[in-house]
Amino acid sequence: MWYYVRTICIVLVGLALCSTVDAQQLRIGYVDMKEVLDRAPQVVAGRAKLDQEFRARNDAIELDEMRGDSMEQRLQQADMTAENRLQMERELRDIRRSVSRRKEDLRDELSFRRTEEVQRLEEQINVAVQEIAQRNGYDLIISSPVIYANPDLDITDLILEQLEVEFAADQAEFGIR
């Protein structure tokens, strides 16, 4: 008899818990942050700004690389004196070192500036996620990387739409086209 009473109590407690969970359905969303950071208009504009900022230095490096390639081709021809060849080889070595060093410096600085841009936009992205979550009744938003998220939970496009609206508003406010 005690066994039946205990089993019935366990079943009743289980049913009570299930009905509580059903009544309080948890709404979860997922945001693919890589996609947001690839496609958000603020990020795209930031990339264009950085490209513009670093374009002259990159072009100068490319020009020196072409100059070095030209010198290397010239050295392969056997029509110069030993002294001229030695001088050109030194100059080529100096150009290659300079190009290598400047490329590394440019890469480091560009990486640093990209990180700065992303951190600057992180707050705006977080606010957009919070606004979408509150507006659409989400209880929990998870961002990538995750092991698995059902595509039905993905609200990345909603976040991107919100960021596009905010970007357009900022552009209009500052008169930028």
C-alpha atoms as a PDB file:
ATOM      1  CA  MET A   1       0.000   0.000   0.000  1.00  0.00           C
ATOM      2  CA  TRP A   2       2.760   2.448   0.981  1.00  0.00           C
ATOM      3  CA  TYR A   3       4.431   1.798  -2.411  1.00  0.00           C
ATOM      4  CA  TYR A   4       1.252   2.866  -4.294  1.00  0.00           C
ATOM      5  CA  VAL A   5       0.818   6.038  -2.234  1.00  0.00           C
ATOM      6  CA  ARG A   6       4.436   6.964  -2.794  1.00  0.00           C
ATOM      7  CA  THR A   7       4.173   6.307  -6.550  1.00  0.00           C
ATOM      8  CA  ILE A   8       0.997   8.385  -6.802  1.00  0.00           C
ATOM      9  CA  CYS A   9       2.681  11.246  -4.896  1.00  0.00           C
ATOM     10  CA  ILE A  10       5.682  11.137  -7.225  1.00  0.00           C
ATOM     11  CA  VAL A  11       3.405  11.165 -10.281  1.00  0.00           C
ATOM     12  CA  LEU A  12       1.412  14.107  -8.879  1.00  0.00           C
ATOM     13  CA  VAL A  13       4.587  16.091  -8.099  1.00  0.00           C
ATOM     14  CA  GLY A  14       5.868  15.336 -11.621  1.00  0.00           C
ATOM     15  CA  LEU A  15       2.610  16.530 -13.166  1.00  0.00           C
ATOM     16  CA  ALA A  16       2.692  19.688 -11.056  1.00  0.00           C
ATOM     17  CA  LEU A  17       6.243  20.440 -12.197  1.00  0.00           C
ATOM     18  CA  CYS A  18       5.364  19.786 -15.834  1.00  0.00           C
ATOM     19  CA  SER A  19       2.376  22.126 -15.689  1.00  0.00           C
ATOM     20  CA  THR A  20       4.555  24.832 -14.098  1.00  0.00           C
ATOM     21  CA  VAL A  21       7.109  24.483 -16.911  1.00  0.00           C
ATOM     22  CA  ASP A  22       4.354  24.580 -19.552  1.00  0.00           C
ATOM     23  CA  ALA A  23       2.800  27.667 -18.011  1.00  0.00           C
ATOM     24  CA  GLN A  24       6.149  29.411 -17.932  1.00  0.00           C
ATOM     25  CA  GLN A  25       7.568  28.575 -21.386  1.00  0.00           C
ATOM     26  CA  LEU A  26      11.170  29.756 -21.647  1.00  0.00           C
ATOM     27  CA  ARG A  27      11.845  31.700 -24.856  1.00  0.00           C
ATOM     28  CA  ILE A  28      15.434  31.405 -26.072  1.00  0.00           C
ATOM     29  CA  GLY A  29      17.134  33.084 -29.013  1.00  0.00           C
ATOM     30  CA  TYR A  30      20.518  32.637 -30.637  1.00  0.00           C
ATOM     31  CA  VAL A  31      22.743  35.278 -32.260  1.00  0.00           C
ATOM     32  CA  ASP A  32      25.560  34.344 -34.631  1.00  0.00           C
ATOM     33  CA  MET A  33      28.060  37.036 -33.619  1.00  0.00           C
ATOM     34  CA  LYS A  34      30.434  36.182 -36.464  1.00  0.00           C
ATOM     35  CA  GLU A  35      27.684  36.944 -38.950  1.00  0.00           C
ATOM     36  CA  VAL A  36      26.770  40.141 -37.105  1.00  0.00           C
ATOM     37  CA  LEU A  37      30.405  41.233 -37.121  1.00  0.00           C
ATOM     38  CA  ASP A  38      30.665  40.397 -40.828  1.00  0.00           C
ATOM     39  CA  ARG A  39      27.439  42.024 -42.017  1.00  0.00           C
ATOM     40  CA  ALA A  40      26.381  44.804 -39.635  1.00  0.00           C
ATOM     41  CA  PRO A  41      26.495  48.142 -41.474  1.00  0.00           C
ATOM     42  CA  GLN A  42      28.432  49.734 -38.618  1.00  0.00           C
ATOM     43  CA  VAL A  43      31.136  47.093 -38.992  1.00  0.00           C
ATOM     44  CA  VAL A  44      31.191  47.389 -42.797  1.00  0.00           C
ATOM     45  CA  ALA A  45      31.535  51.177 -42.499  1.00  0.00           C
ATOM     46  CA  GLY A  46      34.289  50.730 -39.910  1.00  0.00           C
ATOM     47  CA  ARG A  47      36.155  48.394 -42.257  1.00  0.00           C
ATOM     48  CA  ALA A  48      35.878  50.937 -45.073  1.00  0.00           C
ATOM     49  CA  LYS A  49      37.158  53.654 -42.742  1.00  0.00           C
ATOM     50  CA  LEU A  50      40.144  51.518 -41.739  1.00  0.00           C
ATOM     51  CA  ASP A  51      40.814  50.636 -45.360  1.00  0.00           C
ATOM     52  CA  GLN A  52      40.909  54.327 -46.188  1.00  0.00           C
ATOM     53  CA  GLU A  53      43.099  55.073 -43.175  1.00  0.00           C
ATOM     54  CA  PHE A  54      45.689  52.434 -44.075  1.00  0.00           C
ATOM     55  CA  ARG A  55      45.451  52.612 -47.887  1.00  0.00           C
ATOM     56  CA  ALA A  56      48.385  55.034 -48.423  1.00  0.00           C
ATOM     57  CA  ARG A  57      50.765  52.968 -46.280  1.00  0.00           C
ATOM     58  CA  ASN A  58      49.698  49.751 -47.986  1.00  0.00           C
ATOM     59  CA  ASP A  59      50.133  51.319 -51.434  1.00  0.00           C
ATOM     60  CA  ALA A  60      53.639  52.513 -50.497  1.00  0.00           C
ATOM     61  CA  ILE A  61      54.562  48.993 -49.377  1.00  0.00           C
ATOM     62  CA  GLU A  62      53.207  47.502 -52.601  1.00  0.00           C
ATOM     63  CA  LEU A  63      55.159  50.055 -54.629  1.00  0.00           C
ATOM     64  CA  ASP A  64      58.389  49.103 -52.826  1.00  0.00           C
ATOM     65  CA  GLU A  65      57.611  45.413 -53.395  1.00  0.00           C
ATOM     66  CA  MET A  66      57.249  46.069 -57.131  1.00  0.00           C
ATOM     67  CA  ARG A  67      60.491  48.058 -57.080  1.00  0.00           C
ATOM     68  CA  GLY A  68      62.212  45.111 -55.373  1.00  0.00           C
ATOM     69  CA  ASP A  69      60.781  42.664 -57.920  1.00  0.00           C
ATOM     70  CA  SER A  70      62.044  44.875 -60.712  1.00  0.00           C
ATOM     71  CA  MET A  71      65.512  45.014 -59.130  1.00  0.00           C
ATOM     72  CA  GLU A  72      65.505  41.236 -58.728  1.00  0.00           C
ATOM     73  CA  GLN A  73      64.693  40.790 -62.406  1.00  0.00           C
ATOM     74  CA  ARG A  74      67.436  43.250 -63.285  1.00  0.00           C
ATOM     75  CA  LEU A  75      69.910  41.259 -61.174  1.00  0.00           C
ATOM     76  CA  GLN A  76      69.064  38.078 -63.079  1.00  0.00           C
ATOM     77  CA  GLN A  77      70.368  39.716 -66.214  1.00  0.00           C
ATOM     78  CA  ALA A  78      74.143  39.421 -66.491  1.00  0.00           C
ATOM     79  CA  ASP A  79      74.833  42.858 -67.925  1.00  0.00           C
ATOM     80  CA  MET A  80      76.231  44.864 -65.004  1.00  0.00           C
ATOM     81  CA  THR A  81      79.556  45.212 -63.328  1.00  0.00           C
ATOM     82  CA  ALA A  82      80.349  43.319 -60.150  1.00  0.00           C
ATOM     83  CA  GLU A  83      80.366  46.577 -58.185  1.00  0.00           C
ATOM     84  CA  ASN A  84      76.938  47.621 -59.511  1.00  0.00           C
ATOM     85  CA  ARG A  85      75.595  44.132 -58.864  1.00  0.00           C
ATOM     86  CA  LEU A  86      76.843  44.207 -55.266  1.00  0.00           C
ATOM     87  CA  GLN A  87      75.334  47.649 -54.689  1.00  0.00           C
ATOM     88  CA  MET A  88      71.990  46.581 -56.182  1.00  0.00           C
ATOM     89  CA  GLU A  89      71.940  43.383 -54.090  1.00  0.00           C
ATOM     90  CA  ARG A  90      72.456  45.452 -50.919  1.00  0.00           C
ATOM     91  CA  GLU A  91      69.737  47.866 -51.940  1.00  0.00           C
ATOM     92  CA  LEU A  92      67.396  44.975 -52.731  1.00  0.00           C
ATOM     93  CA  ARG A  93      68.126  43.374 -49.347  1.00  0.00           C
ATOM     94  CA  ASP A  94      67.407  46.702 -47.615  1.00  0.00           C
ATOM     95  CA  ILE A  95      64.140  47.101 -49.539  1.00  0.00           C
ATOM     96  CA  ARG A  96      63.029  43.558 -48.676  1.00  0.00           C
ATOM     97  CA  ARG A  97      63.805  44.095 -44.974  1.00  0.00           C
ATOM     98  CA  SER A  98      62.014  47.426 -44.970  1.00  0.00           C
ATOM     99  CA  VAL A  99      58.978  45.969 -46.734  1.00  0.00           C
ATOM    100  CA  SER A 100      58.862  43.025 -44.343  1.00  0.00           C
ATOM    101  CA  ARG A 101      59.149  45.245 -41.269  1.00  0.00           C
ATOM    102  CA  ARG A 102      56.566  47.746 -42.561  1.00  0.00           C
ATOM    103  CA  LYS A 103      54.143  44.942 -43.469  1.00  0.00           C
ATOM    104  CA  GLU A 104      54.401  43.517 -39.971  1.00  0.00           C
ATOM    105  CA  ASP A 105      53.928  46.957 -38.399  1.00  0.00           C
ATOM    106  CA  LEU A 106      50.931  47.614 -40.634  1.00  0.00           C
ATOM    107  CA  ARG A 107      49.410  44.217 -39.800  1.00  0.00           C
ATOM    108  CA  ASP A 108      49.855  44.802 -36.075  1.00  0.00           C
ATOM    109  CA  GLU A 109      48.408  48.299 -36.175  1.00  0.00           C
ATOM    110  CA  LEU A 110      45.506  47.230 -38.382  1.00  0.00           C
ATOM    111  CA  SER A 111      44.735  44.337 -36.049  1.00  0.00           C
ATOM    112  CA  PHE A 112      44.798  46.690 -33.074  1.00  0.00           C
ATOM    113  CA  ARG A 113      42.503  49.200 -34.823  1.00  0.00           C
ATOM    114  CA  ARG A 114      40.068  46.458 -35.878  1.00  0.00           C
ATOM    115  CA  THR A 115      39.877  45.284 -32.284  1.00  0.00           C
ATOM    116  CA  GLU A 116      39.234  48.879 -31.198  1.00  0.00           C
ATOM    117  CA  GLU A 117      36.436  49.234 -33.766  1.00  0.00           C
ATOM    118  CA  VAL A 118      34.790  45.970 -32.695  1.00  0.00           C
ATOM    119  CA  GLN A 119      34.989  46.928 -29.017  1.00  0.00           C
ATOM    120  CA  ARG A 120      33.485  50.315 -29.828  1.00  0.00           C
ATOM    121  CA  LEU A 121      30.589  48.608 -31.616  1.00  0.00           C
ATOM    122  CA  GLU A 122      30.176  45.850 -29.034  1.00  0.00           C
ATOM    123  CA  GLU A 123      28.068  48.064 -26.751  1.00  0.00           C
ATOM    124  CA  GLN A 124      25.808  49.085 -29.641  1.00  0.00           C
ATOM    125  CA  ILE A 125      25.380  45.447 -30.680  1.00  0.00           C
ATOM    126  CA  ASN A 126      24.587  44.433 -27.083  1.00  0.00           C
ATOM    127  CA  VAL A 127      21.974  47.190 -26.813  1.00  0.00           C
ATOM    128  CA  ALA A 128      20.399  46.035 -30.098  1.00  0.00           C
ATOM    129  CA  VAL A 129      20.249  42.447 -28.802  1.00  0.00           C
ATOM    130  CA  GLN A 130      18.648  43.602 -25.543  1.00  0.00           C
ATOM    131  CA  GLU A 131      16.066  45.706 -27.396  1.00  0.00           C
ATOM    132  CA  ILE A 132      15.109  42.814 -29.696  1.00  0.00           C
ATOM    133  CA  ALA A 133      14.950  40.427 -26.712  1.00  0.00           C
ATOM    134  CA  GLN A 134      12.661  42.736 -24.733  1.00  0.00           C
ATOM    135  CA  ARG A 135      10.501  43.676 -27.717  1.00  0.00           C
ATOM    136  CA  ASN A 136       9.984  40.036 -28.717  1.00  0.00           C
ATOM    137  CA  GLY A 137       9.662  38.530 -25.232  1.00  0.00           C
ATOM    138  CA  TYR A 138      12.872  36.512 -25.103  1.00  0.00           C
ATOM    139  CA  ASP A 139      13.999  35.238 -21.714  1.00  0.00           C
ATOM    140  CA  LEU A 140      17.493  34.274 -22.793  1.00  0.00           C
ATOM    141  CA  ILE A 141      19.733  35.168 -25.740  1.00  0.00           C
ATOM    142  CA  ILE A 142      22.800  33.044 -26.416  1.00  0.00           C
ATOM    143  CA  SER A 143      25.577  34.207 -28.710  1.00  0.00           C
ATOM    144  CA  SER A 144      28.095  32.223 -30.668  1.00  0.00           C
ATOM    145  CA  PRO A 145      30.168  30.234 -30.360  1.00  0.00           C
ATOM    146  CA  VAL A 146      27.912  27.426 -29.221  1.00  0.00           C
ATOM    147  CA  ILE A 147      28.104  23.757 -30.032  1.00  0.00           C
ATOM    148  CA  TYR A 148      24.637  23.652 -31.562  1.00  0.00           C
ATOM    149  CA  ALA A 149      21.647  25.934 -31.932  1.00  0.00           C
ATOM    150  CA  ASN A 150      18.442  25.008 -33.691  1.00  0.00           C
ATOM    151  CA  PRO A 151      18.034  27.338 -36.701  1.00  0.00           C
ATOM    152  CA  ASP A 152      14.543  28.196 -35.422  1.00  0.00           C
ATOM    153  CA  LEU A 153      16.197  29.970 -32.473  1.00  0.00           C
ATOM    154  CA  ASP A 154      18.422  32.135 -34.698  1.00  0.00           C
ATOM    155  CA  ILE A 155      17.522  35.831 -34.375  1.00  0.00           C
ATOM    156  CA  THR A 156      20.666  37.108 -36.101  1.00  0.00           C
ATOM    157  CA  ASP A 157      18.651  38.666 -38.937  1.00  0.00           C
ATOM    158  CA  LEU A 158      16.504  40.570 -36.423  1.00  0.00           C
ATOM    159  CA  ILE A 159      19.650  41.947 -34.815  1.00  0.00           C
ATOM    160  CA  LEU A 160      21.086  42.938 -38.202  1.00  0.00           C
ATOM    161  CA  GLU A 161      17.826  44.687 -39.114  1.00  0.00           C
ATOM    162  CA  GLN A 162      17.924  46.615 -35.824  1.00  0.00           C
ATOM    163  CA  LEU A 163      21.550  47.609 -36.438  1.00  0.00           C
ATOM    164  CA  GLU A 164      20.666  48.735 -39.983  1.00  0.00           C
ATOM    165  CA  VAL A 165      17.871  50.943 -38.622  1.00  0.00           C
ATOM    166  CA  GLU A 166      20.228  52.439 -36.033  1.00  0.00           C
ATOM    167  CA  PHE A 167      22.939  52.960 -38.657  1.00  0.00           C
ATOM    168  CA  ALA A 168      20.514  54.702 -41.008  1.00  0.00           C
ATOM    169  CA  ALA A 169      19.322  56.911 -38.138  1.00  0.00           C
ATOM    170  CA  ASP A 170      22.913  57.817 -37.243  1.00  0.00           C
ATOM    171  CA  GLN A 171      23.682  58.601 -40.878  1.00  0.00           C
ATOM    172  CA  ALA A 172      20.600  60.816 -41.155  1.00  0.00           C
ATOM    173  CA  GLU A 173      21.397  62.552 -37.860  1.00  0.00           C
ATOM    174  CA  PHE A 174      24.913  63.431 -38.963  1.00  0.00           C
ATOM    175  CA  GLY A 175      23.957  64.106 -42.593  1.00  0.00           C
ATOM    176  CA  ILE A 176      26.156  61.305 -43.937  1.00  0.00           C
ATOM    177  CA  ARG A 177      25.236  59.412 -47.079  1.00  0.00           C
END
